Amino acid sequence: MSHVLAIDQGTTSSRAIVFDGEMKPVASAQQEFTQHFPRSGWVEHAPEDLWTTVLATCREAIAKAGLATSDITAIGITNQRETTLVWDRQTGAPVCNAIVWQDRRTSDLCLDLKAAGHE
């Protein structure tokens, strides 16, 4: 029987849900992670936290369902809106923390662009 794995990498946690062939949920897992606020108005996530919580919740949900990874025939992914993360082209390592969609560090620049007609 085929199963679908849904991954929801959200703003405060990562979730994974396994659905059976009739699209009924059979198992799920969720893990929260730390949000970092290095300055007022700034919101960041550690890239390793995003990766490890997604991986752990996928493994946990598949195990709870009593399945092997080979039983998963499709994966759906949703993520955190406009959160951005920059990787090193050569190594694939993150250059810095992910800047979360709630972050306000460029709000003045956005207002300037809007005032100049670049909306």
PDB file of N, CA and C in Angstrom:
ATOM      1  N   MET A   1       0.843  -1.186   0.000  1.00  0.00           N
ATOM      2  CA  MET A   1       0.000   0.000   0.000  1.00  0.00           C
ATOM      3  C   MET A   1       0.885   1.245   0.000  1.00  0.00           C
ATOM      4  N   SER A   2       0.537   2.205  -0.806  1.00  0.00           N
ATOM      5  CA  SER A   2       1.331   3.431  -0.887  1.00  0.00           C
ATOM      6  C   SER A   2       0.928   4.402   0.218  1.00  0.00           C
ATOM      7  N   HIS A   3       1.911   5.179   0.650  1.00  0.00           N
ATOM      8  CA  HIS A   3       1.695   6.184   1.686  1.00  0.00           C
ATOM      9  C   HIS A   3       2.317   7.505   1.250  1.00  0.00           C
ATOM     10  N   VAL A   4       1.749   8.593   1.759  1.00  0.00           N
ATOM     11  CA  VAL A   4       2.238   9.935   1.463  1.00  0.00           C
ATOM     12  C   VAL A   4       2.755  10.541   2.766  1.00  0.00           C
ATOM     13  N   LEU A   5       3.889  11.213   2.677  1.00  0.00           N
ATOM     14  CA  LEU A   5       4.455  11.922   3.820  1.00  0.00           C
ATOM     15  C   LEU A   5       4.286  13.419   3.584  1.00  0.00           C
ATOM     16  N   ALA A   6       3.614  14.091   4.504  1.00  0.00           N
ATOM     17  CA  ALA A   6       3.461  15.548   4.435  1.00  0.00           C
ATOM     18  C   ALA A   6       4.407  16.170   5.452  1.00  0.00           C
ATOM     19  N   ILE A   7       5.200  17.141   4.999  1.00  0.00           N
ATOM     20  CA  ILE A   7       6.143  17.851   5.864  1.00  0.00           C
ATOM     21  C   ILE A   7       5.694  19.302   5.957  1.00  0.00           C
ATOM     22  N   ASP A   8       5.535  19.773   7.184  1.00  0.00           N
ATOM     23  CA  ASP A   8       5.195  21.176   7.424  1.00  0.00           C
ATOM     24  C   ASP A   8       6.312  21.783   8.258  1.00  0.00           C
ATOM     25  N   GLN A   9       7.208  22.499   7.600  1.00  0.00           N
ATOM     26  CA  GLN A   9       8.300  23.170   8.315  1.00  0.00           C
ATOM     27  C   GLN A   9       7.802  24.574   8.622  1.00  0.00           C
ATOM     28  N   GLY A  10       7.310  24.769   9.851  1.00  0.00           N
ATOM     29  CA  GLY A  10       6.663  26.013  10.221  1.00  0.00           C
ATOM     30  C   GLY A  10       7.552  26.968  10.991  1.00  0.00           C
ATOM     31  N   THR A  11       6.949  28.046  11.440  1.00  0.00           N
ATOM     32  CA  THR A  11       7.679  29.111  12.112  1.00  0.00           C
ATOM     33  C   THR A  11       8.164  28.718  13.500  1.00  0.00           C
ATOM     34  N   THR A  12       7.417  27.867  14.186  1.00  0.00           N
ATOM     35  CA  THR A  12       7.801  27.489  15.548  1.00  0.00           C
ATOM     36  C   THR A  12       8.074  26.006  15.722  1.00  0.00           C
ATOM     37  N   SER A  13       7.730  25.201  14.724  1.00  0.00           N
ATOM     38  CA  SER A  13       7.975  23.763  14.828  1.00  0.00           C
ATOM     39  C   SER A  13       7.978  23.122  13.444  1.00  0.00           C
ATOM     40  N   SER A  14       8.464  21.896  13.423  1.00  0.00           N
ATOM     41  CA  SER A  14       8.411  21.069  12.213  1.00  0.00           C
ATOM     42  C   SER A  14       7.465  19.911  12.496  1.00  0.00           C
ATOM     43  N   ARG A  15       6.649  19.551  11.501  1.00  0.00           N
ATOM     44  CA  ARG A  15       5.691  18.468  11.643  1.00  0.00           C
ATOM     45  C   ARG A  15       5.770  17.544  10.443  1.00  0.00           C
ATOM     46  N   ALA A  16       5.459  16.286  10.688  1.00  0.00           N
ATOM     47  CA  ALA A  16       5.368  15.311   9.607  1.00  0.00           C
ATOM     48  C   ALA A  16       4.140  14.445   9.862  1.00  0.00           C
ATOM     49  N   ILE A  17       3.388  14.184   8.804  1.00  0.00           N
ATOM     50  CA  ILE A  17       2.196  13.344   8.905  1.00  0.00           C
ATOM     51  C   ILE A  17       2.254  12.313   7.789  1.00  0.00           C
ATOM     52  N   VAL A  18       1.987  11.058   8.133  1.00  0.00           N
ATOM     53  CA  VAL A  18       1.914   9.983   7.145  1.00  0.00           C
ATOM     54  C   VAL A  18       0.441   9.710   6.861  1.00  0.00           C
ATOM     55  N   PHE A  19       0.093   9.681   5.578  1.00  0.00           N
ATOM     56  CA  PHE A  19      -1.260   9.379   5.130  1.00  0.00           C
ATOM     57  C   PHE A  19      -1.256   8.047   4.393  1.00  0.00           C
ATOM     58  N   ASP A  20      -2.340   7.277   4.551  1.00  0.00           N
ATOM     59  CA  ASP A  20      -2.447   6.016   3.821  1.00  0.00           C
ATOM     60  C   ASP A  20      -2.959   6.268   2.404  1.00  0.00           C
ATOM     61  N   GLY A  21      -3.207   5.204   1.665  1.00  0.00           N
ATOM     62  CA  GLY A  21      -3.647   5.305   0.282  1.00  0.00           C
ATOM     63  C   GLY A  21      -4.988   5.988   0.105  1.00  0.00           C
ATOM     64  N   GLU A  22      -5.784   6.042   1.168  1.00  0.00           N
ATOM     65  CA  GLU A  22      -7.075   6.735   1.124  1.00  0.00           C
ATOM     66  C   GLU A  22      -6.965   8.153   1.680  1.00  0.00           C
ATOM     67  N   MET A  23      -5.729   8.600   1.891  1.00  0.00           N
ATOM     68  CA  MET A  23      -5.414   9.934   2.413  1.00  0.00           C
ATOM     69  C   MET A  23      -5.950  10.162   3.828  1.00  0.00           C
ATOM     70  N   LYS A  24      -5.968   9.085   4.596  1.00  0.00           N
ATOM     71  CA  LYS A  24      -6.312   9.188   6.012  1.00  0.00           C
ATOM     72  C   LYS A  24      -5.011   9.231   6.807  1.00  0.00           C
ATOM     73  N   PRO A  25      -4.893  10.154   7.771  1.00  0.00           N
ATOM     74  CA  PRO A  25      -3.658  10.221   8.557  1.00  0.00           C
ATOM     75  C   PRO A  25      -3.496   8.974   9.420  1.00  0.00           C
ATOM     76  N   VAL A  26      -2.289   8.407   9.401  1.00  0.00           N
ATOM     77  CA  VAL A  26      -2.026   7.207  10.196  1.00  0.00           C
ATOM     78  C   VAL A  26      -0.986   7.443  11.287  1.00  0.00           C
ATOM     79  N   ALA A  27      -0.169   8.474  11.158  1.00  0.00           N
ATOM     80  CA  ALA A  27       0.832   8.781  12.185  1.00  0.00           C
ATOM     81  C   ALA A  27       1.350  10.195  11.969  1.00  0.00           C
ATOM     82  N   SER A  28       1.794  10.800  13.074  1.00  0.00           N
ATOM     83  CA  SER A  28       2.361  12.145  12.962  1.00  0.00           C
ATOM     84  C   SER A  28       3.402  12.368  14.050  1.00  0.00           C
ATOM     85  N   ALA A  29       4.195  13.405  13.852  1.00  0.00           N
ATOM     86  CA  ALA A  29       5.203  13.805  14.832  1.00  0.00           C
ATOM     87  C   ALA A  29       5.419  15.304  14.707  1.00  0.00           C
ATOM     88  N   GLN A  30       5.815  15.925  15.812  1.00  0.00           N
ATOM     89  CA  GLN A  30       6.061  17.368  15.815  1.00  0.00           C
ATOM     90  C   GLN A  30       7.186  17.678  16.788  1.00  0.00           C
ATOM     91  N   GLN A  31       8.049  18.622  16.407  1.00  0.00           N
ATOM     92  CA  GLN A  31       9.119  19.099  17.287  1.00  0.00           C
ATOM     93  C   GLN A  31       9.233  20.607  17.164  1.00  0.00           C
ATOM     94  N   GLU A  32       9.256  21.271  18.306  1.00  0.00           N
ATOM     95  CA  GLU A  32       9.487  22.713  18.313  1.00  0.00           C
ATOM     96  C   GLU A  32      10.987  22.985  18.245  1.00  0.00           C
ATOM     97  N   PHE A  33      11.336  24.205  17.848  1.00  0.00           N
ATOM     98  CA  PHE A  33      12.737  24.623  17.837  1.00  0.00           C
ATOM     99  C   PHE A  33      12.803  26.066  18.318  1.00  0.00           C
ATOM    100  N   THR A  34      14.001  26.505  18.622  1.00  0.00           N
ATOM    101  CA  THR A  34      14.218  27.826  19.205  1.00  0.00           C
ATOM    102  C   THR A  34      14.181  28.919  18.145  1.00  0.00           C
ATOM    103  N   GLN A  35      13.485  29.995  18.458  1.00  0.00           N
ATOM    104  CA  GLN A  35      13.566  31.202  17.642  1.00  0.00           C
ATOM    105  C   GLN A  35      14.594  32.116  18.301  1.00  0.00           C
ATOM    106  N   HIS A  36      15.418  32.754  17.496  1.00  0.00           N
ATOM    107  CA  HIS A  36      16.467  33.633  18.010  1.00  0.00           C
ATOM    108  C   HIS A  36      16.106  35.082  17.687  1.00  0.00           C
ATOM    109  N   PHE A  37      16.334  35.960  18.655  1.00  0.00           N
ATOM    110  CA  PHE A  37      16.031  37.383  18.530  1.00  0.00           C
ATOM    111  C   PHE A  37      17.302  38.177  18.855  1.00  0.00           C
ATOM    112  N   PRO A  38      18.265  38.233  17.913  1.00  0.00           N
ATOM    113  CA  PRO A  38      19.552  38.869  18.208  1.00  0.00           C
ATOM    114  C   PRO A  38      19.466  40.376  18.446  1.00  0.00           C
ATOM    115  N   ARG A  39      18.447  41.010  17.896  1.00  0.00           N
ATOM    116  CA  ARG A  39      18.204  42.442  18.102  1.00  0.00           C
ATOM    117  C   ARG A  39      16.699  42.667  18.089  1.00  0.00           C
ATOM    118  N   SER A  40      16.288  43.807  18.570  1.00  0.00           N
ATOM    119  CA  SER A  40      14.872  44.143  18.543  1.00  0.00           C
ATOM    120  C   SER A  40      14.366  44.136  17.096  1.00  0.00           C
ATOM    121  N   GLY A  41      13.281  43.407  16.856  1.00  0.00           N
ATOM    122  CA  GLY A  41      12.695  43.332  15.519  1.00  0.00           C
ATOM    123  C   GLY A  41      13.291  42.268  14.621  1.00  0.00           C
ATOM    124  N   TRP A  42      14.377  41.637  15.041  1.00  0.00           N
ATOM    125  CA  TRP A  42      15.008  40.591  14.241  1.00  0.00           C
ATOM    126  C   TRP A  42      14.520  39.226  14.725  1.00  0.00           C
ATOM    127  N   VAL A  43      14.267  38.329  13.775  1.00  0.00           N
ATOM    128  CA  VAL A  43      13.862  36.963  14.103  1.00  0.00           C
ATOM    129  C   VAL A  43      14.653  36.018  13.211  1.00  0.00           C
ATOM    130  N   GLU A  44      15.344  35.061  13.818  1.00  0.00           N
ATOM    131  CA  GLU A  44      16.181  34.123  13.064  1.00  0.00           C
ATOM    132  C   GLU A  44      15.974  32.694  13.568  1.00  0.00           C
ATOM    133  N   HIS A  45      16.292  31.743  12.690  1.00  0.00           N
ATOM    134  CA  HIS A  45      16.320  30.324  13.047  1.00  0.00           C
ATOM    135  C   HIS A  45      17.684  29.756  12.684  1.00  0.00           C
ATOM    136  N   ALA A  46      18.185  28.873  13.522  1.00  0.00           N
ATOM    137  CA  ALA A  46      19.426  28.169  13.210  1.00  0.00           C
ATOM    138  C   ALA A  46      19.119  27.124  12.137  1.00  0.00           C
ATOM    139  N   PRO A  47      19.820  27.162  10.999  1.00  0.00           N
ATOM    140  CA  PRO A  47      19.542  26.223   9.910  1.00  0.00           C
ATOM    141  C   PRO A  47      19.601  24.758  10.346  1.00  0.00           C
ATOM    142  N   GLU A  48      20.552  24.435  11.203  1.00  0.00           N
ATOM    143  CA  GLU A  48      20.678  23.044  11.663  1.00  0.00           C
ATOM    144  C   GLU A  48      19.429  22.605  12.429  1.00  0.00           C
ATOM    145  N   ASP A  49      18.812  23.526  13.167  1.00  0.00           N
ATOM    146  CA  ASP A  49      17.573  23.194  13.882  1.00  0.00           C
ATOM    147  C   ASP A  49      16.446  22.865  12.907  1.00  0.00           C
ATOM    148  N   LEU A  50      16.359  23.623  11.828  1.00  0.00           N
ATOM    149  CA  LEU A  50      15.321  23.353  10.826  1.00  0.00           C
ATOM    150  C   LEU A  50      15.514  21.966  10.230  1.00  0.00           C
ATOM    151  N   TRP A  51      16.744  21.664   9.823  1.00  0.00           N
ATOM    152  CA  TRP A  51      17.047  20.377   9.201  1.00  0.00           C
ATOM    153  C   TRP A  51      16.824  19.226  10.174  1.00  0.00           C
ATOM    154  N   THR A  52      17.365  19.329  11.384  1.00  0.00           N
ATOM    155  CA  THR A  52      17.280  18.189  12.309  1.00  0.00           C
ATOM    156  C   THR A  52      15.849  17.927  12.764  1.00  0.00           C
ATOM    157  N   THR A  53      15.040  18.977  12.939  1.00  0.00           N
ATOM    158  CA  THR A  53      13.655  18.734  13.352  1.00  0.00           C
ATOM    159  C   THR A  53      12.819  18.156  12.212  1.00  0.00           C
ATOM    160  N   VAL A  54      13.073  18.574  10.990  1.00  0.00           N
ATOM    161  CA  VAL A  54      12.364  17.972   9.851  1.00  0.00           C
ATOM    162  C   VAL A  54      12.743  16.499   9.723  1.00  0.00           C
ATOM    163  N   LEU A  55      14.026  16.214   9.759  1.00  0.00           N
ATOM    164  CA  LEU A  55      14.485  14.829   9.634  1.00  0.00           C
ATOM    165  C   LEU A  55      13.936  13.962  10.765  1.00  0.00           C
ATOM    166  N   ALA A  56      14.010  14.456  11.990  1.00  0.00           N
ATOM    167  CA  ALA A  56      13.542  13.677  13.144  1.00  0.00           C
ATOM    168  C   ALA A  56      12.041  13.418  13.091  1.00  0.00           C
ATOM    169  N   THR A  57      11.250  14.426  12.712  1.00  0.00           N
ATOM    170  CA  THR A  57       9.801  14.225  12.666  1.00  0.00           C
ATOM    171  C   THR A  57       9.405  13.277  11.541  1.00  0.00           C
ATOM    172  N   CYS A  58      10.103  13.335  10.419  1.00  0.00           N
ATOM    173  CA  CYS A  58       9.823  12.385   9.333  1.00  0.00           C
ATOM    174  C   CYS A  58      10.115  10.957   9.782  1.00  0.00           C
ATOM    175  N   ARG A  59      11.277  10.769  10.373  1.00  0.00           N
ATOM    176  CA  ARG A  59      11.641   9.426  10.851  1.00  0.00           C
ATOM    177  C   ARG A  59      10.652   8.926  11.898  1.00  0.00           C
ATOM    178  N   GLU A  60      10.276   9.811  12.823  1.00  0.00           N
ATOM    179  CA  GLU A  60       9.353   9.413  13.890  1.00  0.00           C
ATOM    180  C   GLU A  60       7.979   9.049  13.339  1.00  0.00           C
ATOM    181  N   ALA A  61       7.442   9.856  12.446  1.00  0.00           N
ATOM    182  CA  ALA A  61       6.115   9.578  11.885  1.00  0.00           C
ATOM    183  C   ALA A  61       6.116   8.273  11.091  1.00  0.00           C
ATOM    184  N   ILE A  62       7.156   8.048  10.307  1.00  0.00           N
ATOM    185  CA  ILE A  62       7.248   6.805   9.530  1.00  0.00           C
ATOM    186  C   ILE A  62       7.346   5.606  10.465  1.00  0.00           C
ATOM    187  N   ALA A  63       8.143   5.721  11.524  1.00  0.00           N
ATOM    188  CA  ALA A  63       8.276   4.625  12.493  1.00  0.00           C
ATOM    189  C   ALA A  63       6.956   4.369  13.220  1.00  0.00           C
ATOM    190  N   LYS A  64       6.264   5.430  13.644  1.00  0.00           N
ATOM    191  CA  LYS A  64       4.972   5.277  14.319  1.00  0.00           C
ATOM    192  C   LYS A  64       3.958   4.572  13.427  1.00  0.00           C
ATOM    193  N   ALA A  65       4.055   4.813  12.119  1.00  0.00           N
ATOM    194  CA  ALA A  65       3.142   4.178  11.166  1.00  0.00           C
ATOM    195  C   ALA A  65       3.525   2.727  10.902  1.00  0.00           C
ATOM    196  N   GLY A  66       4.689   2.304  11.412  1.00  0.00           N
ATOM    197  CA  GLY A  66       5.152   0.936  11.187  1.00  0.00           C
ATOM    198  C   GLY A  66       5.614   0.703   9.765  1.00  0.00           C
ATOM    199  N   LEU A  67       6.147   1.742   9.144  1.00  0.00           N
ATOM    200  CA  LEU A  67       6.544   1.672   7.742  1.00  0.00           C
ATOM    201  C   LEU A  67       8.050   1.797   7.589  1.00  0.00           C
ATOM    202  N   ALA A  68       8.510   1.472   6.404  1.00  0.00           N
ATOM    203  CA  ALA A  68       9.886   1.752   5.992  1.00  0.00           C
ATOM    204  C   ALA A  68       9.842   2.957   5.060  1.00  0.00           C
ATOM    205  N   THR A  69      10.972   3.623   4.893  1.00  0.00           N
ATOM    206  CA  THR A  69      10.990   4.777   3.986  1.00  0.00           C
ATOM    207  C   THR A  69      10.584   4.380   2.568  1.00  0.00           C
ATOM    208  N   SER A  70      10.843   3.144   2.194  1.00  0.00           N
ATOM    209  CA  SER A  70      10.469   2.675   0.850  1.00  0.00           C
ATOM    210  C   SER A  70       8.954   2.578   0.668  1.00  0.00           C
ATOM    211  N   ASP A  71       8.193   2.625   1.760  1.00  0.00           N
ATOM    212  CA  ASP A  71       6.730   2.607   1.676  1.00  0.00           C
ATOM    213  C   ASP A  71       6.150   3.982   1.349  1.00  0.00           C
ATOM    214  N   ILE A  72       6.976   5.018   1.424  1.00  0.00           N
ATOM    215  CA  ILE A  72       6.527   6.374   1.116  1.00  0.00           C
ATOM    216  C   ILE A  72       6.671   6.592  -0.388  1.00  0.00           C
ATOM    217  N   THR A  73       5.546   6.852  -1.061  1.00  0.00           N
ATOM    218  CA  THR A  73       5.578   7.003  -2.522  1.00  0.00           C
ATOM    219  C   THR A  73       5.510   8.457  -2.982  1.00  0.00           C
ATOM    220  N   ALA A  74       5.197   9.354  -2.055  1.00  0.00           N
ATOM    221  CA  ALA A  74       5.146  10.781  -2.402  1.00  0.00           C
ATOM    222  C   ALA A  74       5.383  11.604  -1.141  1.00  0.00           C
ATOM    223  N   ILE A  75       5.931  12.800  -1.349  1.00  0.00           N
ATOM    224  CA  ILE A  75       6.173  13.724  -0.240  1.00  0.00           C
ATOM    225  C   ILE A  75       5.642  15.096  -0.639  1.00  0.00           C
ATOM    226  N   GLY A  76       4.896  15.706   0.267  1.00  0.00           N
ATOM    227  CA  GLY A  76       4.438  17.081   0.088  1.00  0.00           C
ATOM    228  C   GLY A  76       5.120  17.949   1.130  1.00  0.00           C
ATOM    229  N   ILE A  77       5.529  19.144   0.736  1.00  0.00           N
ATOM    230  CA  ILE A  77       6.263  20.026   1.646  1.00  0.00           C
ATOM    231  C   ILE A  77       5.630  21.413   1.649  1.00  0.00           C
ATOM    232  N   THR A  78       5.460  21.952   2.833  1.00  0.00           N
ATOM    233  CA  THR A  78       5.079  23.351   2.988  1.00  0.00           C
ATOM    234  C   THR A  78       6.079  23.991   3.938  1.00  0.00           C
ATOM    235  N   ASN A  79       6.314  25.279   3.761  1.00  0.00           N
ATOM    236  CA  ASN A  79       7.343  25.925   4.586  1.00  0.00           C
ATOM    237  C   ASN A  79       6.889  27.295   5.060  1.00  0.00           C
ATOM    238  N   GLN A  80       7.818  28.051   5.625  1.00  0.00           N
ATOM    239  CA  GLN A  80       7.537  29.304   6.318  1.00  0.00           C
ATOM    240  C   GLN A  80       7.479  30.539   5.434  1.00  0.00           C
ATOM    241  N   ARG A  81       6.594  30.620   4.571  1.00  0.00           N
ATOM    242  CA  ARG A  81       6.400  31.861   3.807  1.00  0.00           C
ATOM    243  C   ARG A  81       7.703  32.380   3.206  1.00  0.00           C
ATOM    244  N   GLU A  82       8.104  33.588   3.593  1.00  0.00           N
ATOM    245  CA  GLU A  82       9.274  34.215   2.962  1.00  0.00           C
ATOM    246  C   GLU A  82      10.557  34.105   3.779  1.00  0.00           C
ATOM    247  N   THR A  83      10.667  33.151   4.660  1.00  0.00           N
ATOM    248  CA  THR A  83      11.922  32.954   5.392  1.00  0.00           C
ATOM    249  C   THR A  83      13.027  32.655   4.389  1.00  0.00           C
ATOM    250  N   THR A  84      14.202  33.269   4.596  1.00  0.00           N
ATOM    251  CA  THR A  84      15.303  33.087   3.648  1.00  0.00           C
ATOM    252  C   THR A  84      16.524  32.497   4.336  1.00  0.00           C
ATOM    253  N   LEU A  85      17.246  31.701   3.569  1.00  0.00           N
ATOM    254  CA  LEU A  85      18.467  31.075   4.052  1.00  0.00           C
ATOM    255  C   LEU A  85      19.467  31.062   2.905  1.00  0.00           C
ATOM    256  N   VAL A  86      20.692  31.459   3.188  1.00  0.00           N
ATOM    257  CA  VAL A  86      21.747  31.512   2.171  1.00  0.00           C
ATOM    258  C   VAL A  86      22.750  30.400   2.447  1.00  0.00           C
ATOM    259  N   TRP A  87      23.099  29.633   1.391  1.00  0.00           N
ATOM    260  CA  TRP A  87      24.084  28.554   1.499  1.00  0.00           C
ATOM    261  C   TRP A  87      25.347  28.930   0.749  1.00  0.00           C
ATOM    262  N   ASP A  88      26.460  28.380   1.190  1.00  0.00           N
ATOM    263  CA  ASP A  88      27.717  28.502   0.463  1.00  0.00           C
ATOM    264  C   ASP A  88      27.635  27.616  -0.774  1.00  0.00           C
ATOM    265  N   ARG A  89      27.907  28.174  -1.919  1.00  0.00           N
ATOM    266  CA  ARG A  89      27.787  27.446  -3.180  1.00  0.00           C
ATOM    267  C   ARG A  89      28.701  26.223  -3.234  1.00  0.00           C
ATOM    268  N   GLN A  90      29.885  26.332  -2.680  1.00  0.00           N
ATOM    269  CA  GLN A  90      30.861  25.243  -2.752  1.00  0.00           C
ATOM    270  C   GLN A  90      30.590  24.138  -1.735  1.00  0.00           C
ATOM    271  N   THR A  91      30.249  24.515  -0.513  1.00  0.00           N
ATOM    272  CA  THR A  91      30.129  23.527   0.564  1.00  0.00           C
ATOM    273  C   THR A  91      28.697  23.124   0.879  1.00  0.00           C
ATOM    274  N   GLY A  92      27.744  23.961   0.518  1.00  0.00           N
ATOM    275  CA  GLY A  92      26.360  23.702   0.889  1.00  0.00           C
ATOM    276  C   GLY A  92      26.048  24.075   2.328  1.00  0.00           C
ATOM    277  N   ALA A  93      27.053  24.568   3.049  1.00  0.00           N
ATOM    278  CA  ALA A  93      26.854  24.964   4.446  1.00  0.00           C
ATOM    279  C   ALA A  93      26.135  26.311   4.513  1.00  0.00           C
ATOM    280  N   PRO A  94      25.270  26.494   5.510  1.00  0.00           N
ATOM    281  CA  PRO A  94      24.613  27.792   5.645  1.00  0.00           C
ATOM    282  C   PRO A  94      25.617  28.886   5.976  1.00  0.00           C
ATOM    283  N   VAL A  95      25.407  30.071   5.407  1.00  0.00           N
ATOM    284  CA  VAL A  95      26.295  31.212   5.636  1.00  0.00           C
ATOM    285  C   VAL A  95      25.959  31.888   6.967  1.00  0.00           C
ATOM    286  N   CYS A  96      24.684  31.890   7.330  1.00  0.00           N
ATOM    287  CA  CYS A  96      24.236  32.526   8.577  1.00  0.00           C
ATOM    288  C   CYS A  96      22.893  31.907   8.951  1.00  0.00           C
ATOM    289  N   ASN A  97      22.306  32.374  10.018  1.00  0.00           N
ATOM    290  CA  ASN A  97      20.974  31.916  10.394  1.00  0.00           C
ATOM    291  C   ASN A  97      19.954  32.314   9.333  1.00  0.00           C
ATOM    292  N   ALA A  98      18.854  31.570   9.301  1.00  0.00           N
ATOM    293  CA  ALA A  98      17.743  31.915   8.416  1.00  0.00           C
ATOM    294  C   ALA A  98      17.070  33.180   8.942  1.00  0.00           C
ATOM    295  N   ILE A  99      16.755  34.091   8.048  1.00  0.00           N
ATOM    296  CA  ILE A  99      16.018  35.302   8.411  1.00  0.00           C
ATOM    297  C   ILE A  99      14.532  34.984   8.241  1.00  0.00           C
ATOM    298  N   VAL A 100      13.804  35.027   9.340  1.00  0.00           N
ATOM    299  CA  VAL A 100      12.411  34.593   9.383  1.00  0.00           C
ATOM    300  C   VAL A 100      11.494  35.664   8.797  1.00  0.00           C
ATOM    301  N   TRP A 101      10.396  35.232   8.224  1.00  0.00           N
ATOM    302  CA  TRP A 101       9.449  36.139   7.572  1.00  0.00           C
ATOM    303  C   TRP A 101       8.944  37.234   8.507  1.00  0.00           C
ATOM    304  N   GLN A 102       9.003  37.030   9.812  1.00  0.00           N
ATOM    305  CA  GLN A 102       8.540  38.038  10.771  1.00  0.00           C
ATOM    306  C   GLN A 102       9.579  39.132  11.018  1.00  0.00           C
ATOM    307  N   ASP A 103      10.785  38.938  10.539  1.00  0.00           N
ATOM    308  CA  ASP A 103      11.901  39.850  10.787  1.00  0.00           C
ATOM    309  C   ASP A 103      11.602  41.233  10.195  1.00  0.00           C
ATOM    310  N   ARG A 104      11.966  42.282  10.930  1.00  0.00           N
ATOM    311  CA  ARG A 104      11.657  43.654  10.516  1.00  0.00           C
ATOM    312  C   ARG A 104      12.893  44.457  10.128  1.00  0.00           C
ATOM    313  N   ARG A 105      14.043  43.821   9.959  1.00  0.00           N
ATOM    314  CA  ARG A 105      15.276  44.592   9.737  1.00  0.00           C
ATOM    315  C   ARG A 105      15.286  45.376   8.428  1.00  0.00           C
ATOM    316  N   THR A 106      14.483  45.000   7.458  1.00  0.00           N
ATOM    317  CA  THR A 106      14.461  45.746   6.192  1.00  0.00           C
ATOM    318  C   THR A 106      13.193  46.588   6.033  1.00  0.00           C
ATOM    319  N   SER A 107      12.455  46.783   7.112  1.00  0.00           N
ATOM    320  CA  SER A 107      11.181  47.509   6.990  1.00  0.00           C
ATOM    321  C   SER A 107      11.372  48.942   6.491  1.00  0.00           C
ATOM    322  N   ASP A 108      12.429  49.631   6.935  1.00  0.00           N
ATOM    323  CA  ASP A 108      12.668  51.000   6.445  1.00  0.00           C
ATOM    324  C   ASP A 108      12.968  51.008   4.947  1.00  0.00           C
ATOM    325  N   LEU A 109      13.756  50.056   4.486  1.00  0.00           N
ATOM    326  CA  LEU A 109      14.060  49.943   3.058  1.00  0.00           C
ATOM    327  C   LEU A 109      12.779  49.685   2.263  1.00  0.00           C
ATOM    328  N   CYS A 110      11.927  48.816   2.780  1.00  0.00           N
ATOM    329  CA  CYS A 110      10.662  48.531   2.096  1.00  0.00           C
ATOM    330  C   CYS A 110       9.789  49.779   1.999  1.00  0.00           C
ATOM    331  N   LEU A 111       9.735  50.553   3.072  1.00  0.00           N
ATOM    332  CA  LEU A 111       8.957  51.800   3.047  1.00  0.00           C
ATOM    333  C   LEU A 111       9.533  52.786   2.032  1.00  0.00           C
ATOM    334  N   ASP A 112      10.864  52.875   1.962  1.00  0.00           N
ATOM    335  CA  ASP A 112      11.508  53.759   0.982  1.00  0.00           C
ATOM    336  C   ASP A 112      11.186  53.322  -0.448  1.00  0.00           C
ATOM    337  N   LEU A 113      11.244  52.029  -0.711  1.00  0.00           N
ATOM    338  CA  LEU A 113      10.933  51.514  -2.048  1.00  0.00           C
ATOM    339  C   LEU A 113       9.475  51.785  -2.413  1.00  0.00           C
ATOM    340  N   LYS A 114       8.593  51.581  -1.450  1.00  0.00           N
ATOM    341  CA  LYS A 114       7.171  51.846  -1.690  1.00  0.00           C
ATOM    342  C   LYS A 114       6.947  53.328  -1.990  1.00  0.00           C
ATOM    343  N   ALA A 115       7.578  54.210  -1.208  1.00  0.00           N
ATOM    344  CA  ALA A 115       7.440  55.657  -1.417  1.00  0.00           C
ATOM    345  C   ALA A 115       7.975  56.085  -2.780  1.00  0.00           C
ATOM    346  N   ALA A 116       8.960  55.353  -3.296  1.00  0.00           N
ATOM    347  CA  ALA A 116       9.539  55.669  -4.606  1.00  0.00           C
ATOM    348  C   ALA A 116       8.745  55.024  -5.748  1.00  0.00           C
ATOM    349  N   GLY A 117       7.625  54.386  -5.417  1.00  0.00           N
ATOM    350  CA  GLY A 117       6.777  53.796  -6.444  1.00  0.00           C
ATOM    351  C   GLY A 117       7.180  52.406  -6.883  1.00  0.00           C
ATOM    352  N   HIS A 118       7.974  51.722  -6.098  1.00  0.00           N
ATOM    353  CA  HIS A 118       8.447  50.380  -6.465  1.00  0.00           C
ATOM    354  C   HIS A 118       7.719  49.279  -5.703  1.00  0.00           C
ATOM    355  N   GLU A 119       6.427  49.436  -5.537  1.00  0.00           N
ATOM    356  CA  GLU A 119       5.660  48.443  -4.782  1.00  0.00           C
ATOM    357  C   GLU A 119       5.378  47.231  -5.627  1.00  0.00           C
TER     358      GLU A 119
END
